[in-house]
Amino acid sequence: MCALRAYIRHRDNLIRYRSAHIQHMHKALQLMNVQLTNVLSDITGRTGMRIIRDIVAGTRDPVKLAQHRDPRCHSSQTEIAKALTGNYRAEHLFALQQALELYDFYNHQIRLCDAEIEQKYTAFKPVVDVAAKPLPLAKKKQRRSGNAPEFDLRSYLYQITGVDLTQIDGLDALGVQKIITETGVDMNCWPTVKHFTSWLTLAPHNDISGGKILKSRTLKSKNRAAQAFRMAAQSVSRSDSALGAFYRRMRAKHGGPKAITATAHKIARIFYHLLKYKEEYHDPGQVYYEQKYRERVIRNLKRRAKDMGMDLVPQLQSVS
């Protein structure tokens, strides 16, 4: 696992280096007044790369360049052609060409790194019989990430962990890979889930003096696994899952940063439980979560009312 961790960290560095050259392509296009970013959400997609490669090859006609539009692109050919009407100066074209070459170079390096990573996965002994217990269907069809490897990463993760951790809302195969290469697949290293979340620095740290808690906060950390859990928490912010409902309730109560930490902490607890006991995750859904939360609030109110010698009576709905 240590060798795999080193490859994954190196791959993350390659992706970061590549992203700098994507920004350089953005800058060169802007200097030429080619507003490609106004009509394309991602210039490294099929449409964007075809257009950029044709510009570097010498094509300047906006109408001809716009013909590279992919059928799935939301912008029309006319809109794309208008955005491609710019001033193609030689110095900016040279910068665009070099940025494109460096972008292609790092793509090649990432593919080589992926080949090494796949070999490392094949060396692991599967902990689950895929024939007897096949990989569950993906929770929902997701758009393939531009950073995803070309091999079936989700299947390899399932074989070495024995459970499909991508069923947890917010976690995709890349996120799970980043976590398990930092934590390993043996959760017995942490006696309880509290030890695990404390190691991740997602649990509150209390400053205590004289038996009194002076300050409670989460410590700052560069833990890569914790960063992956925080990214997962951000991705569920708008989902209709139970975790999404929990995030929105925490955000309304404590604000965005604390809501991310609280949701990342909850996802980490689920992750620990599934990986340790090899159980499947079933999302109860937003409606179930809100119903259980309402029941919990009412139960607490009844207890407080009883302590004060009162009764909590539901309000009768008026019939019009």
Protein backbone atom coordinates (compact mmCIF):
# COMPACT_ATOMS: atom_id res chain seq x y z
CA MET A 1 0.00 0.00 0.00
CA CYS A 2 2.95 2.34 0.64
CA ALA A 3 4.12 2.05 -2.97
CA LEU A 4 0.58 2.68 -4.23
CA ARG A 5 0.35 5.74 -1.98
CA ALA A 6 3.51 7.15 -3.52
CA TYR A 7 2.14 6.65 -7.05
CA ILE A 8 -1.16 8.32 -6.15
CA ARG A 9 0.57 11.31 -4.61
CA HIS A 10 2.82 11.61 -7.65
CA ARG A 11 -0.24 11.43 -9.91
CA ASP A 12 -1.88 14.25 -7.93
CA ASN A 13 1.23 16.36 -8.50
CA LEU A 14 1.10 15.67 -12.25
CA ILE A 15 -2.53 16.76 -12.36
CA ARG A 16 -1.62 19.95 -10.51
CA TYR A 17 1.22 20.67 -12.95
CA ARG A 18 -1.12 20.05 -15.89
CA SER A 19 -3.74 22.44 -14.50
CA ALA A 20 -1.20 25.28 -14.65
CA HIS A 21 -0.88 24.83 -18.42
CA ILE A 22 -4.66 24.80 -18.80
CA GLN A 23 -4.59 28.24 -17.19
CA HIS A 24 -1.87 29.27 -19.64
CA MET A 25 -4.14 28.27 -22.53
CA HIS A 26 -6.93 30.32 -20.98
CA LYS A 27 -4.61 33.32 -20.74
CA ALA A 28 -3.38 33.04 -24.33
CA LEU A 29 -6.95 32.85 -25.65
CA GLN A 30 -8.00 35.87 -23.60
CA LEU A 31 -5.05 37.92 -24.89
CA MET A 32 -6.22 37.11 -28.43
CA ASN A 33 -9.77 38.14 -27.45
CA VAL A 34 -10.97 34.62 -28.20
CA GLN A 35 -13.79 34.23 -25.67
CA LEU A 36 -14.00 30.46 -25.81
CA THR A 37 -14.68 30.23 -22.08
CA ASN A 38 -17.93 32.16 -22.58
CA VAL A 39 -19.45 29.38 -24.71
CA LEU A 40 -17.70 26.30 -23.30
CA SER A 41 -17.72 25.22 -19.66
CA ASP A 42 -14.44 23.35 -20.13
CA ILE A 43 -11.94 24.13 -22.87
CA THR A 44 -10.28 20.74 -22.34
CA GLY A 45 -13.42 18.94 -23.46
CA ARG A 46 -13.86 17.51 -26.96
CA THR A 47 -15.06 20.74 -28.56
CA GLY A 48 -12.49 22.95 -26.86
CA MET A 49 -9.47 20.77 -27.64
CA ARG A 50 -10.48 20.28 -31.25
CA ILE A 51 -10.77 24.04 -31.70
CA ILE A 52 -7.49 24.81 -29.91
CA ARG A 53 -5.58 22.19 -31.90
CA ASP A 54 -7.00 23.57 -35.15
CA ILE A 55 -6.04 27.13 -34.15
CA VAL A 56 -2.48 25.98 -33.45
CA ALA A 57 -2.49 24.15 -36.81
CA GLY A 58 -3.20 27.46 -38.58
CA THR A 59 -6.99 27.74 -38.97
CA ARG A 60 -8.39 31.22 -38.27
CA ASP A 61 -11.88 31.13 -39.82
CA PRO A 62 -14.37 31.26 -36.88
CA VAL A 63 -17.09 29.46 -38.86
CA LYS A 64 -14.77 26.60 -39.77
CA LEU A 65 -13.48 26.36 -36.20
CA ALA A 66 -17.03 26.27 -34.85
CA GLN A 67 -17.73 23.16 -36.93
CA HIS A 68 -15.76 21.21 -34.33
CA ARG A 69 -18.72 21.59 -31.97
CA ASP A 70 -19.67 18.35 -30.26
CA PRO A 71 -23.41 17.49 -30.51
CA ARG A 72 -23.64 17.50 -26.70
CA CYS A 73 -22.39 21.08 -26.47
CA HIS A 74 -25.06 23.51 -25.23
CA SER A 75 -23.83 26.46 -27.30
CA SER A 76 -24.71 26.62 -30.99
CA GLN A 77 -22.21 26.86 -33.83
CA THR A 78 -23.20 30.49 -34.35
CA GLU A 79 -22.47 31.36 -30.72
CA ILE A 80 -19.15 29.55 -30.83
CA ALA A 81 -18.18 31.30 -34.08
CA LYS A 82 -18.86 34.71 -32.52
CA ALA A 83 -16.64 33.84 -29.56
CA LEU A 84 -13.81 32.81 -31.92
CA THR A 85 -13.60 36.16 -33.68
CA GLY A 86 -10.35 37.45 -32.21
CA ASN A 87 -6.94 38.92 -32.94
CA TYR A 88 -4.62 35.98 -33.58
CA ARG A 89 -1.26 37.61 -32.84
CA ALA A 90 1.87 35.53 -33.36
CA GLU A 91 3.27 35.90 -29.83
CA HIS A 92 0.02 34.73 -28.23
CA LEU A 93 -0.31 31.85 -30.70
CA PHE A 94 3.20 30.77 -29.74
CA ALA A 95 2.27 30.82 -26.03
CA LEU A 96 -0.89 28.82 -26.80
CA GLN A 97 1.10 26.23 -28.77
CA GLN A 98 3.63 25.72 -25.98
CA ALA A 99 0.89 25.47 -23.33
CA LEU A 100 -0.88 22.86 -25.46
CA GLU A 101 2.31 20.84 -25.91
CA LEU A 102 2.97 20.88 -22.16
CA TYR A 103 -0.66 19.91 -21.49
CA ASP A 104 -0.26 16.92 -23.84
CA PHE A 105 3.05 16.02 -22.21
CA TYR A 106 1.53 15.82 -18.74
CA ASN A 107 -1.43 13.83 -20.08
CA HIS A 108 1.09 11.32 -21.41
CA GLN A 109 2.89 11.23 -18.05
CA ILE A 110 -0.41 10.66 -16.23
CA ARG A 111 -1.25 7.74 -18.53
CA LEU A 112 2.15 6.18 -17.80
CA CYS A 113 1.54 6.66 -14.08
CA ASP A 114 -1.92 5.08 -14.41
CA ALA A 115 -0.36 2.01 -16.03
CA GLU A 116 1.95 1.61 -13.02
CA ILE A 117 -0.96 2.10 -10.62
CA GLU A 118 -3.03 -0.56 -12.38
CA GLN A 119 -0.14 -3.02 -12.06
CA LYS A 120 -0.05 -2.34 -8.31
CA TYR A 121 -3.77 -3.07 -8.06
CA THR A 122 -3.43 -6.37 -9.90
CA ALA A 123 -0.81 -7.46 -7.35
CA PHE A 124 -3.33 -7.22 -4.48
CA LYS A 125 -5.13 -10.40 -3.51
CA PRO A 126 -8.92 -9.86 -3.81
CA VAL A 127 -10.75 -10.10 -0.49
CA VAL A 128 -14.08 -10.78 -2.18
CA ASP A 129 -15.13 -13.32 -4.79
CA VAL A 130 -16.43 -11.15 -7.60
CA ALA A 131 -18.16 -14.11 -9.24
CA ALA A 132 -20.13 -14.94 -6.07
CA LYS A 133 -20.63 -11.35 -4.99
CA PRO A 134 -20.41 -9.08 -8.03
CA LEU A 135 -19.84 -5.35 -7.86
CA PRO A 136 -23.17 -3.57 -7.19
CA LEU A 137 -24.56 -1.28 -9.83
CA ALA A 138 -23.37 2.28 -9.65
CA LYS A 139 -25.60 4.43 -7.49
CA LYS A 140 -26.27 6.81 -10.35
CA LYS A 141 -24.75 7.61 -13.67
CA GLN A 142 -22.14 10.27 -13.15
CA ARG A 143 -20.22 12.35 -15.63
CA ARG A 144 -16.75 10.89 -16.04
CA SER A 145 -14.17 13.07 -14.35
CA GLY A 146 -11.42 14.46 -16.55
CA ASN A 147 -8.91 13.22 -13.97
CA ALA A 148 -10.27 9.66 -13.88
CA PRO A 149 -7.96 6.87 -15.09
CA GLU A 150 -8.81 4.84 -18.16
CA PHE A 151 -8.95 1.51 -16.30
CA ASP A 152 -11.89 0.36 -14.13
CA LEU A 153 -10.75 1.82 -10.82
CA ARG A 154 -14.05 1.15 -9.04
CA SER A 155 -13.76 -2.62 -9.63
CA TYR A 156 -10.21 -2.74 -8.27
CA LEU A 157 -11.25 -0.81 -5.15
CA TYR A 158 -14.13 -3.21 -4.59
CA GLN A 159 -11.82 -6.23 -4.84
CA ILE A 160 -9.26 -4.98 -2.32
CA THR A 161 -11.79 -3.57 0.19
CA GLY A 162 -14.65 -6.07 -0.14
CA VAL A 163 -17.27 -3.32 -0.16
CA ASP A 164 -18.38 -0.68 -2.66
CA LEU A 165 -17.51 2.54 -0.86
CA THR A 166 -18.64 4.66 -3.83
CA GLN A 167 -22.22 3.99 -2.68
CA ILE A 168 -21.63 6.63 0.00
CA ASP A 169 -22.99 9.94 -1.25
CA GLY A 170 -20.21 12.34 -2.20
CA LEU A 171 -17.50 9.72 -2.70
CA ASP A 172 -16.44 8.64 -6.18
CA ALA A 173 -13.72 6.16 -7.11
CA LEU A 174 -10.96 8.79 -7.08
CA GLY A 175 -12.03 9.99 -3.64
CA VAL A 176 -12.11 6.47 -2.23
CA GLN A 177 -8.71 5.72 -3.76
CA LYS A 178 -7.21 8.82 -2.15
CA ILE A 179 -8.59 7.84 1.26
CA ILE A 180 -7.61 4.17 1.34
CA THR A 181 -4.08 4.88 0.11
CA GLU A 182 -3.69 7.16 3.13
CA THR A 183 -5.54 5.04 5.71
CA GLY A 184 -5.09 1.52 4.37
CA VAL A 185 -7.93 -1.00 4.27
CA ASP A 186 -7.54 -2.32 7.83
CA MET A 187 -9.67 -0.21 10.15
CA ASN A 188 -8.49 -2.20 13.18
CA CYS A 189 -5.62 0.28 13.42
CA TRP A 190 -8.18 2.54 15.10
CA PRO A 191 -9.99 0.80 18.00
CA THR A 192 -13.11 2.93 17.56
CA VAL A 193 -14.56 5.33 15.05
CA LYS A 194 -13.77 8.17 17.45
CA HIS A 195 -10.08 7.35 17.18
CA PHE A 196 -10.42 7.39 13.38
CA THR A 197 -12.15 10.78 13.18
CA SER A 198 -9.69 12.20 15.72
CA TRP A 199 -6.77 11.03 13.56
CA LEU A 200 -8.44 12.74 10.59
CA THR A 201 -8.74 15.95 12.69
CA LEU A 202 -12.46 16.02 11.87
CA ALA A 203 -13.46 15.61 15.53
CA PRO A 204 -13.45 18.60 17.93
CA HIS A 205 -10.29 19.21 19.95
CA ASN A 206 -10.95 20.50 23.45
CA ASP A 207 -8.61 22.81 25.36
CA ILE A 208 -9.19 21.83 28.99
CA SER A 209 -7.91 23.58 32.12
CA GLY A 210 -8.99 22.72 35.64
CA GLY A 211 -11.56 20.26 34.31
CA LYS A 212 -13.29 22.98 32.26
CA ILE A 213 -13.45 23.13 28.48
CA LEU A 214 -12.00 26.50 27.51
CA LYS A 215 -12.20 26.09 23.75
CA SER A 216 -13.49 23.45 21.35
CA ARG A 217 -12.43 23.42 17.72
CA THR A 218 -11.10 21.20 14.97
CA LEU A 219 -7.36 21.41 14.47
CA LYS A 220 -5.83 22.52 11.19
CA SER A 221 -4.30 19.65 9.27
CA LYS A 222 -2.94 18.68 5.87
CA ASN A 223 -4.26 15.14 6.19
CA ARG A 224 -5.02 14.04 2.62
CA ALA A 225 -7.77 11.66 3.68
CA ALA A 226 -9.50 14.44 5.62
CA GLN A 227 -9.29 16.67 2.53
CA ALA A 228 -11.02 13.95 0.50
CA PHE A 229 -13.80 13.69 3.09
CA ARG A 230 -14.25 17.48 3.02
CA MET A 231 -14.51 17.41 -0.78
CA ALA A 232 -17.16 14.71 -0.46
CA ALA A 233 -19.06 16.89 2.02
CA GLN A 234 -19.06 19.78 -0.44
CA SER A 235 -20.39 17.61 -3.24
CA VAL A 236 -23.49 16.50 -1.28
CA SER A 237 -24.56 20.07 -0.48
CA ARG A 238 -27.35 20.04 -3.08
CA SER A 239 -28.18 16.34 -3.18
CA ASP A 240 -31.51 14.91 -2.03
CA SER A 241 -29.75 12.35 0.16
CA ALA A 242 -29.79 12.13 3.95
CA LEU A 243 -26.24 13.52 4.01
CA GLY A 244 -27.36 16.42 1.85
CA ALA A 245 -30.19 17.20 4.24
CA PHE A 246 -27.77 17.00 7.18
CA TYR A 247 -25.35 19.41 5.47
CA ARG A 248 -28.08 21.97 4.79
CA ARG A 249 -29.32 21.81 8.39
CA MET A 250 -25.79 22.33 9.70
CA ARG A 251 -25.19 25.20 7.28
CA ALA A 252 -28.38 26.96 8.39
CA LYS A 253 -27.36 26.52 12.01
CA HIS A 254 -23.59 27.04 12.00
CA GLY A 255 -22.58 28.34 8.57
CA GLY A 256 -20.80 26.78 5.60
CA PRO A 257 -17.31 25.93 6.97
CA LYS A 258 -18.63 24.17 10.08
CA ALA A 259 -21.26 22.39 8.00
CA ILE A 260 -18.53 20.98 5.73
CA THR A 261 -16.56 19.74 8.73
CA ALA A 262 -19.63 18.19 10.38
CA THR A 263 -20.70 16.45 7.15
CA ALA A 264 -17.14 15.24 6.46
CA HIS A 265 -17.10 13.83 10.00
CA LYS A 266 -20.35 11.96 9.37
CA ILE A 267 -19.13 10.58 6.02
CA ALA A 268 -15.91 9.43 7.71
CA ARG A 269 -17.91 7.55 10.35
CA ILE A 270 -19.94 5.80 7.64
CA PHE A 271 -16.73 4.99 5.73
CA TYR A 272 -15.13 3.47 8.84
CA HIS A 273 -18.18 1.35 9.63
CA LEU A 274 -18.58 -0.01 6.08
CA LEU A 275 -14.90 -0.81 5.62
CA LYS A 276 -14.53 -2.45 9.03
CA TYR A 277 -17.69 -4.57 8.99
CA LYS A 278 -18.01 -5.03 5.19
CA GLU A 279 -21.60 -3.82 5.09
CA GLU A 280 -23.42 -2.16 2.22
CA TYR A 281 -24.57 1.43 2.45
CA HIS A 282 -28.21 2.32 1.83
CA ASP A 283 -29.13 5.97 1.77
CA PRO A 284 -32.37 6.50 3.74
CA GLY A 285 -33.07 9.66 1.76
CA GLN A 286 -33.81 13.27 2.58
CA VAL A 287 -37.44 12.69 3.61
CA TYR A 288 -36.54 9.95 6.09
CA TYR A 289 -33.76 12.06 7.62
CA GLU A 290 -36.01 15.11 8.05
CA GLN A 291 -38.74 12.93 9.59
CA LYS A 292 -36.32 11.38 12.10
CA TYR A 293 -34.92 14.81 12.93
CA ARG A 294 -38.42 16.14 13.57
CA GLU A 295 -39.21 13.18 15.83
CA ARG A 296 -35.98 13.75 17.75
CA VAL A 297 -36.74 17.43 18.27
CA ILE A 298 -40.27 16.68 19.48
CA ARG A 299 -38.96 14.02 21.86
CA ASN A 300 -36.48 16.48 23.36
CA LEU A 301 -39.16 19.14 23.71
CA LYS A 302 -41.45 16.70 25.52
CA ARG A 303 -38.66 15.77 27.92
CA ARG A 304 -37.91 19.42 28.69
CA ALA A 305 -41.59 20.18 29.16
CA LYS A 306 -41.92 17.23 31.55
CA ASP A 307 -38.94 18.46 33.58
CA MET A 308 -40.73 21.80 33.96
CA GLY A 309 -43.99 20.17 34.97
CA MET A 310 -45.74 20.89 31.68
CA ASP A 311 -47.20 18.95 28.78
CA LEU A 312 -46.42 19.44 25.11
CA VAL A 313 -49.68 19.48 23.16
CA PRO A 314 -49.71 19.47 19.33
CA GLN A 315 -51.50 22.39 17.70
CA LEU A 316 -54.83 21.44 16.14
CA GLN A 317 -55.15 22.31 12.47
CA SER A 318 -58.07 24.64 11.77
CA VAL A 319 -60.62 23.33 9.31
CA SER A 320 -61.80 26.02 6.88
